[in-house]
mmCIF file of all heavy atoms, coordinates in Angstrom:
data_MODEL
# 
_entry.id   MODEL 
# 
loop_
_atom_site.group_PDB 
_atom_site.id 
_atom_site.type_symbol 
_atom_site.label_atom_id 
_atom_site.label_alt_id 
_atom_site.label_comp_id 
_atom_site.label_asym_id 
_atom_site.label_entity_id 
_atom_site.label_seq_id 
_atom_site.pdbx_PDB_ins_code 
_atom_site.Cartn_x 
_atom_site.Cartn_y 
_atom_site.Cartn_z 
_atom_site.occupancy 
_atom_site.B_iso_or_equiv 
_atom_site.pdbx_formal_charge 
_atom_site.auth_seq_id 
_atom_site.auth_comp_id 
_atom_site.auth_asym_id 
_atom_site.auth_atom_id 
_atom_site.pdbx_PDB_model_num 
ATOM 1   N N   . LEU A 1 1  ? -31.301 -39.551 -32.968 1.00 0.00 ? 1  LEU A N   1 
ATOM 2   C CA  . LEU A 1 1  ? -32.252 -40.467 -32.356 1.00 0.00 ? 1  LEU A CA  1 
ATOM 3   C C   . LEU A 1 1  ? -32.462 -41.721 -33.211 1.00 0.00 ? 1  LEU A C   1 
ATOM 4   O O   . LEU A 1 1  ? -32.887 -42.762 -32.710 1.00 0.00 ? 1  LEU A O   1 
ATOM 5   C CB  . LEU A 1 1  ? -33.606 -39.776 -32.142 1.00 0.00 ? 1  LEU A CB  1 
ATOM 6   C CG  . LEU A 1 1  ? -33.623 -38.577 -31.182 1.00 0.00 ? 1  LEU A CG  1 
ATOM 7   C CD1 . LEU A 1 1  ? -34.959 -37.854 -31.273 1.00 0.00 ? 1  LEU A CD1 1 
ATOM 8   C CD2 . LEU A 1 1  ? -33.360 -39.043 -29.757 1.00 0.00 ? 1  LEU A CD2 1 
ATOM 9   N N   . GLY A 1 2  ? -32.169 -41.599 -34.485 1.00 0.00 ? 2  GLY A N   1 
ATOM 10  C CA  . GLY A 1 2  ? -32.397 -42.701 -35.409 1.00 0.00 ? 2  GLY A CA  1 
ATOM 11  C C   . GLY A 1 2  ? -31.201 -43.617 -35.572 1.00 0.00 ? 2  GLY A C   1 
ATOM 12  O O   . GLY A 1 2  ? -30.067 -43.280 -35.221 1.00 0.00 ? 2  GLY A O   1 
ATOM 13  N N   . ARG A 1 3  ? -31.482 -44.789 -36.104 1.00 0.00 ? 3  ARG A N   1 
ATOM 14  C CA  . ARG A 1 3  ? -30.409 -45.692 -36.502 1.00 0.00 ? 3  ARG A CA  1 
ATOM 15  C C   . ARG A 1 3  ? -29.679 -45.115 -37.707 1.00 0.00 ? 3  ARG A C   1 
ATOM 16  O O   . ARG A 1 3  ? -30.080 -44.097 -38.256 1.00 0.00 ? 3  ARG A O   1 
ATOM 17  C CB  . ARG A 1 3  ? -30.979 -47.069 -36.825 1.00 0.00 ? 3  ARG A CB  1 
ATOM 18  C CG  . ARG A 1 3  ? -31.540 -47.804 -35.603 1.00 0.00 ? 3  ARG A CG  1 
ATOM 19  C CD  . ARG A 1 3  ? -32.146 -49.143 -35.968 1.00 0.00 ? 3  ARG A CD  1 
ATOM 20  N NE  . ARG A 1 3  ? -32.549 -49.889 -34.777 1.00 0.00 ? 3  ARG A NE  1 
ATOM 21  C CZ  . ARG A 1 3  ? -33.175 -51.029 -34.775 1.00 0.00 ? 3  ARG A CZ  1 
ATOM 22  N NH1 . ARG A 1 3  ? -33.510 -51.585 -35.942 1.00 0.00 ? 3  ARG A NH1 1 
ATOM 23  N NH2 . ARG A 1 3  ? -33.503 -51.649 -33.628 1.00 0.00 ? 3  ARG A NH2 1 
ATOM 24  N N   . LYS A 1 4  ? -28.618 -45.797 -38.123 1.00 0.00 ? 4  LYS A N   1 
ATOM 25  C CA  . LYS A 1 4  ? -27.836 -45.300 -39.253 1.00 0.00 ? 4  LYS A CA  1 
ATOM 26  C C   . LYS A 1 4  ? -28.729 -45.069 -40.470 1.00 0.00 ? 4  LYS A C   1 
ATOM 27  O O   . LYS A 1 4  ? -28.611 -44.074 -41.179 1.00 0.00 ? 4  LYS A O   1 
ATOM 28  C CB  . LYS A 1 4  ? -26.711 -46.282 -39.586 1.00 0.00 ? 4  LYS A CB  1 
ATOM 29  C CG  . LYS A 1 4  ? -25.761 -45.757 -40.657 1.00 0.00 ? 4  LYS A CG  1 
ATOM 30  C CD  . LYS A 1 4  ? -24.605 -46.716 -40.863 1.00 0.00 ? 4  LYS A CD  1 
ATOM 31  C CE  . LYS A 1 4  ? -23.653 -46.171 -41.931 1.00 0.00 ? 4  LYS A CE  1 
ATOM 32  N NZ  . LYS A 1 4  ? -22.494 -47.110 -42.159 1.00 0.00 ? 4  LYS A NZ  1 
ATOM 33  N N   . ASN A 1 5  ? -29.638 -45.991 -40.711 1.00 0.00 ? 5  ASN A N   1 
ATOM 34  C CA  . ASN A 1 5  ? -30.596 -45.876 -41.805 1.00 0.00 ? 5  ASN A CA  1 
ATOM 35  C C   . ASN A 1 5  ? -31.993 -45.682 -41.204 1.00 0.00 ? 5  ASN A C   1 
ATOM 36  O O   . ASN A 1 5  ? -32.515 -46.581 -40.549 1.00 0.00 ? 5  ASN A O   1 
ATOM 37  C CB  . ASN A 1 5  ? -30.565 -47.131 -42.680 1.00 0.00 ? 5  ASN A CB  1 
ATOM 38  C CG  . ASN A 1 5  ? -31.437 -46.999 -43.924 1.00 0.00 ? 5  ASN A CG  1 
ATOM 39  O OD1 . ASN A 1 5  ? -31.656 -45.902 -44.439 1.00 0.00 ? 5  ASN A OD1 1 
ATOM 40  N ND2 . ASN A 1 5  ? -31.944 -48.121 -44.412 1.00 0.00 ? 5  ASN A ND2 1 
ATOM 41  N N   . HIS A 1 6  ? -32.575 -44.514 -41.390 1.00 0.00 ? 6  HIS A N   1 
ATOM 42  C CA  . HIS A 1 6  ? -33.871 -44.214 -40.774 1.00 0.00 ? 6  HIS A CA  1 
ATOM 43  C C   . HIS A 1 6  ? -34.639 -43.206 -41.628 1.00 0.00 ? 6  HIS A C   1 
ATOM 44  O O   . HIS A 1 6  ? -34.105 -42.622 -42.577 1.00 0.00 ? 6  HIS A O   1 
ATOM 45  C CB  . HIS A 1 6  ? -33.686 -43.663 -39.355 1.00 0.00 ? 6  HIS A CB  1 
ATOM 46  C CG  . HIS A 1 6  ? -33.015 -42.324 -39.316 1.00 0.00 ? 6  HIS A CG  1 
ATOM 47  N ND1 . HIS A 1 6  ? -31.643 -42.191 -39.215 1.00 0.00 ? 6  HIS A ND1 1 
ATOM 48  C CD2 . HIS A 1 6  ? -33.500 -41.067 -39.379 1.00 0.00 ? 6  HIS A CD2 1 
ATOM 49  C CE1 . HIS A 1 6  ? -31.332 -40.901 -39.214 1.00 0.00 ? 6  HIS A CE1 1 
ATOM 50  N NE2 . HIS A 1 6  ? -32.429 -40.195 -39.318 1.00 0.00 ? 6  HIS A NE2 1 
ATOM 51  N N   . VAL A 1 7  ? -35.888 -42.988 -41.238 1.00 0.00 ? 7  VAL A N   1 
ATOM 52  C CA  . VAL A 1 7  ? -36.744 -41.990 -41.891 1.00 0.00 ? 7  VAL A CA  1 
ATOM 53  C C   . VAL A 1 7  ? -37.110 -40.910 -40.881 1.00 0.00 ? 7  VAL A C   1 
ATOM 54  O O   . VAL A 1 7  ? -37.518 -41.217 -39.762 1.00 0.00 ? 7  VAL A O   1 
ATOM 55  C CB  . VAL A 1 7  ? -38.039 -42.637 -42.452 1.00 0.00 ? 7  VAL A CB  1 
ATOM 56  C CG1 . VAL A 1 7  ? -39.048 -41.566 -42.860 1.00 0.00 ? 7  VAL A CG1 1 
ATOM 57  C CG2 . VAL A 1 7  ? -37.711 -43.533 -43.636 1.00 0.00 ? 7  VAL A CG2 1 
ATOM 58  N N   . LEU A 1 8  ? -36.954 -39.667 -41.284 1.00 0.00 ? 8  LEU A N   1 
ATOM 59  C CA  . LEU A 1 8  ? -37.354 -38.517 -40.463 1.00 0.00 ? 8  LEU A CA  1 
ATOM 60  C C   . LEU A 1 8  ? -38.492 -37.798 -41.188 1.00 0.00 ? 8  LEU A C   1 
ATOM 61  O O   . LEU A 1 8  ? -38.293 -37.246 -42.268 1.00 0.00 ? 8  LEU A O   1 
ATOM 62  C CB  . LEU A 1 8  ? -36.164 -37.580 -40.247 1.00 0.00 ? 8  LEU A CB  1 
ATOM 63  C CG  . LEU A 1 8  ? -36.433 -36.283 -39.469 1.00 0.00 ? 8  LEU A CG  1 
ATOM 64  C CD1 . LEU A 1 8  ? -36.973 -36.575 -38.073 1.00 0.00 ? 8  LEU A CD1 1 
ATOM 65  C CD2 . LEU A 1 8  ? -35.141 -35.451 -39.363 1.00 0.00 ? 8  LEU A CD2 1 
ATOM 66  N N   . TYR A 1 9  ? -39.677 -37.837 -40.581 1.00 0.00 ? 9  TYR A N   1 
ATOM 67  C CA  . TYR A 1 9  ? -40.869 -37.265 -41.227 1.00 0.00 ? 9  TYR A CA  1 
ATOM 68  C C   . TYR A 1 9  ? -41.400 -36.104 -40.393 1.00 0.00 ? 9  TYR A C   1 
ATOM 69  O O   . TYR A 1 9  ? -41.570 -36.205 -39.185 1.00 0.00 ? 9  TYR A O   1 
ATOM 70  C CB  . TYR A 1 9  ? -41.948 -38.331 -41.403 1.00 0.00 ? 9  TYR A CB  1 
ATOM 71  C CG  . TYR A 1 9  ? -43.074 -37.904 -42.332 1.00 0.00 ? 9  TYR A CG  1 
ATOM 72  C CD1 . TYR A 1 9  ? -43.005 -38.179 -43.691 1.00 0.00 ? 9  TYR A CD1 1 
ATOM 73  C CD2 . TYR A 1 9  ? -44.194 -37.241 -41.854 1.00 0.00 ? 9  TYR A CD2 1 
ATOM 74  C CE1 . TYR A 1 9  ? -44.023 -37.798 -44.552 1.00 0.00 ? 9  TYR A CE1 1 
ATOM 75  C CE2 . TYR A 1 9  ? -45.215 -36.855 -42.706 1.00 0.00 ? 9  TYR A CE2 1 
ATOM 76  C CZ  . TYR A 1 9  ? -45.126 -37.132 -44.060 1.00 0.00 ? 9  TYR A CZ  1 
ATOM 77  O OH  . TYR A 1 9  ? -46.141 -36.749 -44.925 1.00 0.00 ? 9  TYR A OH  1 
ATOM 78  N N   . ASP A 1 10 ? -41.701 -35.013 -41.071 1.00 0.00 ? 10 ASP A N   1 
ATOM 79  C CA  . ASP A 1 10 ? -42.077 -33.769 -40.405 1.00 0.00 ? 10 ASP A CA  1 
ATOM 80  C C   . ASP A 1 10 ? -43.505 -33.369 -40.788 1.00 0.00 ? 10 ASP A C   1 
ATOM 81  O O   . ASP A 1 10 ? -43.763 -32.937 -41.914 1.00 0.00 ? 10 ASP A O   1 
ATOM 82  C CB  . ASP A 1 10 ? -41.082 -32.667 -40.807 1.00 0.00 ? 10 ASP A CB  1 
ATOM 83  C CG  . ASP A 1 10 ? -41.331 -31.351 -40.103 1.00 0.00 ? 10 ASP A CG  1 
ATOM 84  O OD1 . ASP A 1 10 ? -42.171 -31.296 -39.178 1.00 0.00 ? 10 ASP A OD1 1 
ATOM 85  O OD2 . ASP A 1 10 ? -40.676 -30.364 -40.475 1.00 0.00 ? 10 ASP A OD2 1 
ATOM 86  N N   . ILE A 1 11 ? -44.432 -33.501 -39.835 1.00 0.00 ? 11 ILE A N   1 
ATOM 87  C CA  . ILE A 1 11 ? -45.817 -33.095 -40.080 1.00 0.00 ? 11 ILE A CA  1 
ATOM 88  C C   . ILE A 1 11 ? -45.993 -31.595 -39.915 1.00 0.00 ? 11 ILE A C   1 
ATOM 89  O O   . ILE A 1 11 ? -46.815 -30.977 -40.579 1.00 0.00 ? 11 ILE A O   1 
ATOM 90  C CB  . ILE A 1 11 ? -46.775 -33.848 -39.118 1.00 0.00 ? 11 ILE A CB  1 
ATOM 91  C CG1 . ILE A 1 11 ? -46.776 -35.343 -39.427 1.00 0.00 ? 11 ILE A CG1 1 
ATOM 92  C CG2 . ILE A 1 11 ? -48.206 -33.309 -39.222 1.00 0.00 ? 11 ILE A CG2 1 
ATOM 93  C CD1 . ILE A 1 11 ? -47.635 -36.159 -38.472 1.00 0.00 ? 11 ILE A CD1 1 
ATOM 94  N N   . LYS A 1 12 ? -45.195 -30.970 -39.048 1.00 0.00 ? 12 LYS A N   1 
ATOM 95  C CA  . LYS A 1 12 ? -45.440 -29.593 -38.596 1.00 0.00 ? 12 LYS A CA  1 
ATOM 96  C C   . LYS A 1 12 ? -44.520 -28.547 -39.218 1.00 0.00 ? 12 LYS A C   1 
ATOM 97  O O   . LYS A 1 12 ? -44.503 -27.396 -38.759 1.00 0.00 ? 12 LYS A O   1 
ATOM 98  C CB  . LYS A 1 12 ? -45.316 -29.534 -37.071 1.00 0.00 ? 12 LYS A CB  1 
ATOM 99  C CG  . LYS A 1 12 ? -46.295 -30.445 -36.346 1.00 0.00 ? 12 LYS A CG  1 
ATOM 100 C CD  . LYS A 1 12 ? -47.730 -30.082 -36.583 1.00 0.00 ? 12 LYS A CD  1 
ATOM 101 C CE  . LYS A 1 12 ? -48.086 -28.727 -36.023 1.00 0.00 ? 12 LYS A CE  1 
ATOM 102 N NZ  . LYS A 1 12 ? -49.503 -28.398 -36.188 1.00 0.00 ? 12 LYS A NZ  1 
ATOM 103 N N   . TYR A 1 13 ? -43.768 -28.895 -40.242 1.00 0.00 ? 13 TYR A N   1 
ATOM 104 C CA  . TYR A 1 13 ? -42.856 -27.943 -40.890 1.00 0.00 ? 13 TYR A CA  1 
ATOM 105 C C   . TYR A 1 13 ? -41.850 -27.365 -39.894 1.00 0.00 ? 13 TYR A C   1 
ATOM 106 O O   . TYR A 1 13 ? -41.514 -26.170 -39.918 1.00 0.00 ? 13 TYR A O   1 
ATOM 107 C CB  . TYR A 1 13 ? -43.619 -26.804 -41.576 1.00 0.00 ? 13 TYR A CB  1 
ATOM 108 C CG  . TYR A 1 13 ? -44.495 -27.237 -42.724 1.00 0.00 ? 13 TYR A CG  1 
ATOM 109 C CD1 . TYR A 1 13 ? -45.532 -26.460 -43.170 1.00 0.00 ? 13 TYR A CD1 1 
ATOM 110 C CD2 . TYR A 1 13 ? -44.287 -28.439 -43.378 1.00 0.00 ? 13 TYR A CD2 1 
ATOM 111 C CE1 . TYR A 1 13 ? -46.346 -26.845 -44.238 1.00 0.00 ? 13 TYR A CE1 1 
ATOM 112 C CE2 . TYR A 1 13 ? -45.083 -28.847 -44.436 1.00 0.00 ? 13 TYR A CE2 1 
ATOM 113 C CZ  . TYR A 1 13 ? -46.106 -28.045 -44.852 1.00 0.00 ? 13 TYR A CZ  1 
ATOM 114 O OH  . TYR A 1 13 ? -46.898 -28.442 -45.921 1.00 0.00 ? 13 TYR A OH  1 
ATOM 115 N N   . ILE A 1 14 ? -41.363 -28.219 -39.002 1.00 0.00 ? 14 ILE A N   1 
ATOM 116 C CA  . ILE A 1 14 ? -40.338 -27.819 -38.053 1.00 0.00 ? 14 ILE A CA  1 
ATOM 117 C C   . ILE A 1 14 ? -38.983 -27.686 -38.757 1.00 0.00 ? 14 ILE A C   1 
ATOM 118 O O   . ILE A 1 14 ? -38.194 -26.802 -38.476 1.00 0.00 ? 14 ILE A O   1 
ATOM 119 C CB  . ILE A 1 14 ? -40.269 -28.827 -36.892 1.00 0.00 ? 14 ILE A CB  1 
ATOM 120 C CG1 . ILE A 1 14 ? -41.558 -28.748 -36.053 1.00 0.00 ? 14 ILE A CG1 1 
ATOM 121 C CG2 . ILE A 1 14 ? -39.042 -28.588 -36.026 1.00 0.00 ? 14 ILE A CG2 1 
ATOM 122 C CD1 . ILE A 1 14 ? -41.684 -29.830 -35.003 1.00 0.00 ? 14 ILE A CD1 1 
ATOM 123 N N   . LEU A 1 15 ? -38.745 -28.585 -39.701 1.00 0.00 ? 15 LEU A N   1 
ATOM 124 C CA  . LEU A 1 15 ? -37.490 -28.615 -40.445 1.00 0.00 ? 15 LEU A CA  1 
ATOM 125 C C   . LEU A 1 15 ? -37.656 -27.987 -41.824 1.00 0.00 ? 15 LEU A C   1 
ATOM 126 O O   . LEU A 1 15 ? -38.777 -27.856 -42.332 1.00 0.00 ? 15 LEU A O   1 
ATOM 127 C CB  . LEU A 1 15 ? -36.999 -30.049 -40.593 1.00 0.00 ? 15 LEU A CB  1 
ATOM 128 C CG  . LEU A 1 15 ? -36.741 -30.823 -39.299 1.00 0.00 ? 15 LEU A CG  1 
ATOM 129 C CD1 . LEU A 1 15 ? -36.490 -32.285 -39.596 1.00 0.00 ? 15 LEU A CD1 1 
ATOM 130 C CD2 . LEU A 1 15 ? -35.568 -30.220 -38.542 1.00 0.00 ? 15 LEU A CD2 1 
ATOM 131 N N   . ASN A 1 16 ? -36.538 -27.615 -42.415 1.00 0.00 ? 16 ASN A N   1 
ATOM 132 C CA  . ASN A 1 16 ? -36.562 -27.162 -43.802 1.00 0.00 ? 16 ASN A CA  1 
ATOM 133 C C   . ASN A 1 16 ? -36.822 -28.353 -44.718 1.00 0.00 ? 16 ASN A C   1 
ATOM 134 O O   . ASN A 1 16 ? -36.604 -29.513 -44.335 1.00 0.00 ? 16 ASN A O   1 
ATOM 135 C CB  . ASN A 1 16 ? -35.234 -26.502 -44.180 1.00 0.00 ? 16 ASN A CB  1 
ATOM 136 C CG  . ASN A 1 16 ? -34.992 -25.216 -43.408 1.00 0.00 ? 16 ASN A CG  1 
ATOM 137 O OD1 . ASN A 1 16 ? -35.920 -24.453 -43.139 1.00 0.00 ? 16 ASN A OD1 1 
ATOM 138 N ND2 . ASN A 1 16 ? -33.727 -24.966 -43.039 1.00 0.00 ? 16 ASN A ND2 1 
ATOM 139 N N   . VAL A 1 17 ? -37.258 -28.060 -45.935 1.00 0.00 ? 17 VAL A N   1 
ATOM 140 C CA  . VAL A 1 17 ? -37.659 -29.114 -46.855 1.00 0.00 ? 17 VAL A CA  1 
ATOM 141 C C   . VAL A 1 17 ? -36.523 -30.088 -47.150 1.00 0.00 ? 17 VAL A C   1 
ATOM 142 O O   . VAL A 1 17 ? -36.749 -31.283 -47.358 1.00 0.00 ? 17 VAL A O   1 
ATOM 143 C CB  . VAL A 1 17 ? -38.218 -28.505 -48.162 1.00 0.00 ? 17 VAL A CB  1 
ATOM 144 C CG1 . VAL A 1 17 ? -37.135 -27.699 -48.904 1.00 0.00 ? 17 VAL A CG1 1 
ATOM 145 C CG2 . VAL A 1 17 ? -38.798 -29.584 -49.069 1.00 0.00 ? 17 VAL A CG2 1 
ATOM 146 N N   . ASP A 1 18 ? -35.285 -29.599 -47.163 1.00 0.00 ? 18 ASP A N   1 
ATOM 147 C CA  . ASP A 1 18 ? -34.151 -30.469 -47.481 1.00 0.00 ? 18 ASP A CA  1 
ATOM 148 C C   . ASP A 1 18 ? -33.586 -31.191 -46.260 1.00 0.00 ? 18 ASP A C   1 
ATOM 149 O O   . ASP A 1 18 ? -32.646 -31.969 -46.369 1.00 0.00 ? 18 ASP A O   1 
ATOM 150 C CB  . ASP A 1 18 ? -33.034 -29.659 -48.158 1.00 0.00 ? 18 ASP A CB  1 
ATOM 151 C CG  . ASP A 1 18 ? -32.540 -28.497 -47.308 1.00 0.00 ? 18 ASP A CG  1 
ATOM 152 O OD1 . ASP A 1 18 ? -33.235 -28.110 -46.334 1.00 0.00 ? 18 ASP A OD1 1 
ATOM 153 O OD2 . ASP A 1 18 ? -31.444 -27.969 -47.592 1.00 0.00 ? 18 ASP A OD2 1 
ATOM 154 N N   . GLU A 1 19 ? -34.181 -30.963 -45.084 1.00 0.00 ? 19 GLU A N   1 
ATOM 155 C CA  . GLU A 1 19 ? -33.680 -31.593 -43.867 1.00 0.00 ? 19 GLU A CA  1 
ATOM 156 C C   . GLU A 1 19 ? -34.475 -32.840 -43.488 1.00 0.00 ? 19 GLU A C   1 
ATOM 157 O O   . GLU A 1 19 ? -33.956 -33.720 -42.807 1.00 0.00 ? 19 GLU A O   1 
ATOM 158 C CB  . GLU A 1 19 ? -33.714 -30.592 -42.712 1.00 0.00 ? 19 GLU A CB  1 
ATOM 159 C CG  . GLU A 1 19 ? -32.747 -29.428 -42.875 1.00 0.00 ? 19 GLU A CG  1 
ATOM 160 C CD  . GLU A 1 19 ? -32.842 -28.438 -41.732 1.00 0.00 ? 19 GLU A CD  1 
ATOM 161 O OE1 . GLU A 1 19 ? -33.971 -28.187 -41.237 1.00 0.00 ? 19 GLU A OE1 1 
ATOM 162 O OE2 . GLU A 1 19 ? -31.779 -27.882 -41.343 1.00 0.00 ? 19 GLU A OE2 1 
ATOM 163 N N   . ALA A 1 20 ? -35.716 -32.914 -43.904 1.00 0.00 ? 20 ALA A N   1 
ATOM 164 C CA  . ALA A 1 20 ? -36.559 -34.059 -43.587 1.00 0.00 ? 20 ALA A CA  1 
ATOM 165 C C   . ALA A 1 20 ? -36.632 -35.003 -44.785 1.00 0.00 ? 20 ALA A C   1 
ATOM 166 O O   . ALA A 1 20 ? -36.492 -34.584 -45.938 1.00 0.00 ? 20 ALA A O   1 
ATOM 167 C CB  . ALA A 1 20 ? -37.960 -33.594 -43.198 1.00 0.00 ? 20 ALA A CB  1 
ATOM 168 N N   . ASP A 1 21 ? -36.879 -36.277 -44.509 1.00 0.00 ? 21 ASP A N   1 
ATOM 169 C CA  . ASP A 1 21 ? -37.053 -37.243 -45.592 1.00 0.00 ? 21 ASP A CA  1 
ATOM 170 C C   . ASP A 1 21 ? -38.432 -37.130 -46.234 1.00 0.00 ? 21 ASP A C   1 
ATOM 171 O O   . ASP A 1 21 ? -38.631 -37.532 -47.376 1.00 0.00 ? 21 ASP A O   1 
ATOM 172 C CB  . ASP A 1 21 ? -36.851 -38.665 -45.063 1.00 0.00 ? 21 ASP A CB  1 
ATOM 173 C CG  . ASP A 1 21 ? -35.443 -38.884 -44.545 1.00 0.00 ? 21 ASP A CG  1 
ATOM 174 O OD1 . ASP A 1 21 ? -34.488 -38.609 -45.297 1.00 0.00 ? 21 ASP A OD1 1 
ATOM 175 O OD2 . ASP A 1 21 ? -35.293 -39.310 -43.378 1.00 0.00 ? 21 ASP A OD2 1 
ATOM 176 N N   . GLY A 1 22 ? -39.356 -36.572 -45.495 1.00 0.00 ? 22 GLY A N   1 
ATOM 177 C CA  . GLY A 1 22 ? -40.698 -36.369 -46.021 1.00 0.00 ? 22 GLY A CA  1 
ATOM 178 C C   . GLY A 1 22 ? -41.487 -35.466 -45.086 1.00 0.00 ? 22 GLY A C   1 
ATOM 179 O O   . GLY A 1 22 ? -41.166 -35.342 -43.903 1.00 0.00 ? 22 GLY A O   1 
ATOM 180 N N   . ARG A 1 23 ? -42.506 -34.816 -45.619 1.00 0.00 ? 23 ARG A N   1 
ATOM 181 C CA  . ARG A 1 23 ? -43.396 -33.994 -44.802 1.00 0.00 ? 23 ARG A CA  1 
ATOM 182 C C   . ARG A 1 23 ? -44.683 -33.723 -45.574 1.00 0.00 ? 23 ARG A C   1 
ATOM 183 O O   . ARG A 1 23 ? -44.764 -33.980 -46.783 1.00 0.00 ? 23 ARG A O   1 
ATOM 184 C CB  . ARG A 1 23 ? -42.717 -32.685 -44.399 1.00 0.00 ? 23 ARG A CB  1 
ATOM 185 C CG  . ARG A 1 23 ? -42.242 -31.793 -45.515 1.00 0.00 ? 23 ARG A CG  1 
ATOM 186 C CD  . ARG A 1 23 ? -41.571 -30.568 -44.933 1.00 0.00 ? 23 ARG A CD  1 
ATOM 187 N NE  . ARG A 1 23 ? -41.304 -29.538 -45.924 1.00 0.00 ? 23 ARG A NE  1 
ATOM 188 C CZ  . ARG A 1 23 ? -41.007 -28.273 -45.620 1.00 0.00 ? 23 ARG A CZ  1 
ATOM 189 N NH1 . ARG A 1 23 ? -40.923 -27.893 -44.379 1.00 0.00 ? 23 ARG A NH1 1 
ATOM 190 N NH2 . ARG A 1 23 ? -40.788 -27.395 -46.573 1.00 0.00 ? 23 ARG A NH2 1 
ATOM 191 N N   . LEU A 1 24 ? -45.689 -33.214 -44.881 1.00 0.00 ? 24 LEU A N   1 
ATOM 192 C CA  . LEU A 1 24 ? -46.950 -32.906 -45.532 1.00 0.00 ? 24 LEU A CA  1 
ATOM 193 C C   . LEU A 1 24 ? -46.792 -31.775 -46.528 1.00 0.00 ? 24 LEU A C   1 
ATOM 194 O O   . LEU A 1 24 ? -45.938 -30.906 -46.368 1.00 0.00 ? 24 LEU A O   1 
ATOM 195 C CB  . LEU A 1 24 ? -48.007 -32.533 -44.484 1.00 0.00 ? 24 LEU A CB  1 
ATOM 196 C CG  . LEU A 1 24 ? -48.625 -33.702 -43.697 1.00 0.00 ? 24 LEU A CG  1 
ATOM 197 C CD1 . LEU A 1 24 ? -49.647 -33.187 -42.714 1.00 0.00 ? 24 LEU A CD1 1 
ATOM 198 C CD2 . LEU A 1 24 ? -49.287 -34.705 -44.643 1.00 0.00 ? 24 LEU A CD2 1 
# 
């Protein structure tokens, strides 16, 4: 869904820690 360079942020712990660029 993102452009070549993007940020993926996970508020709900849907992804593993190494899959998101940031999360709570």
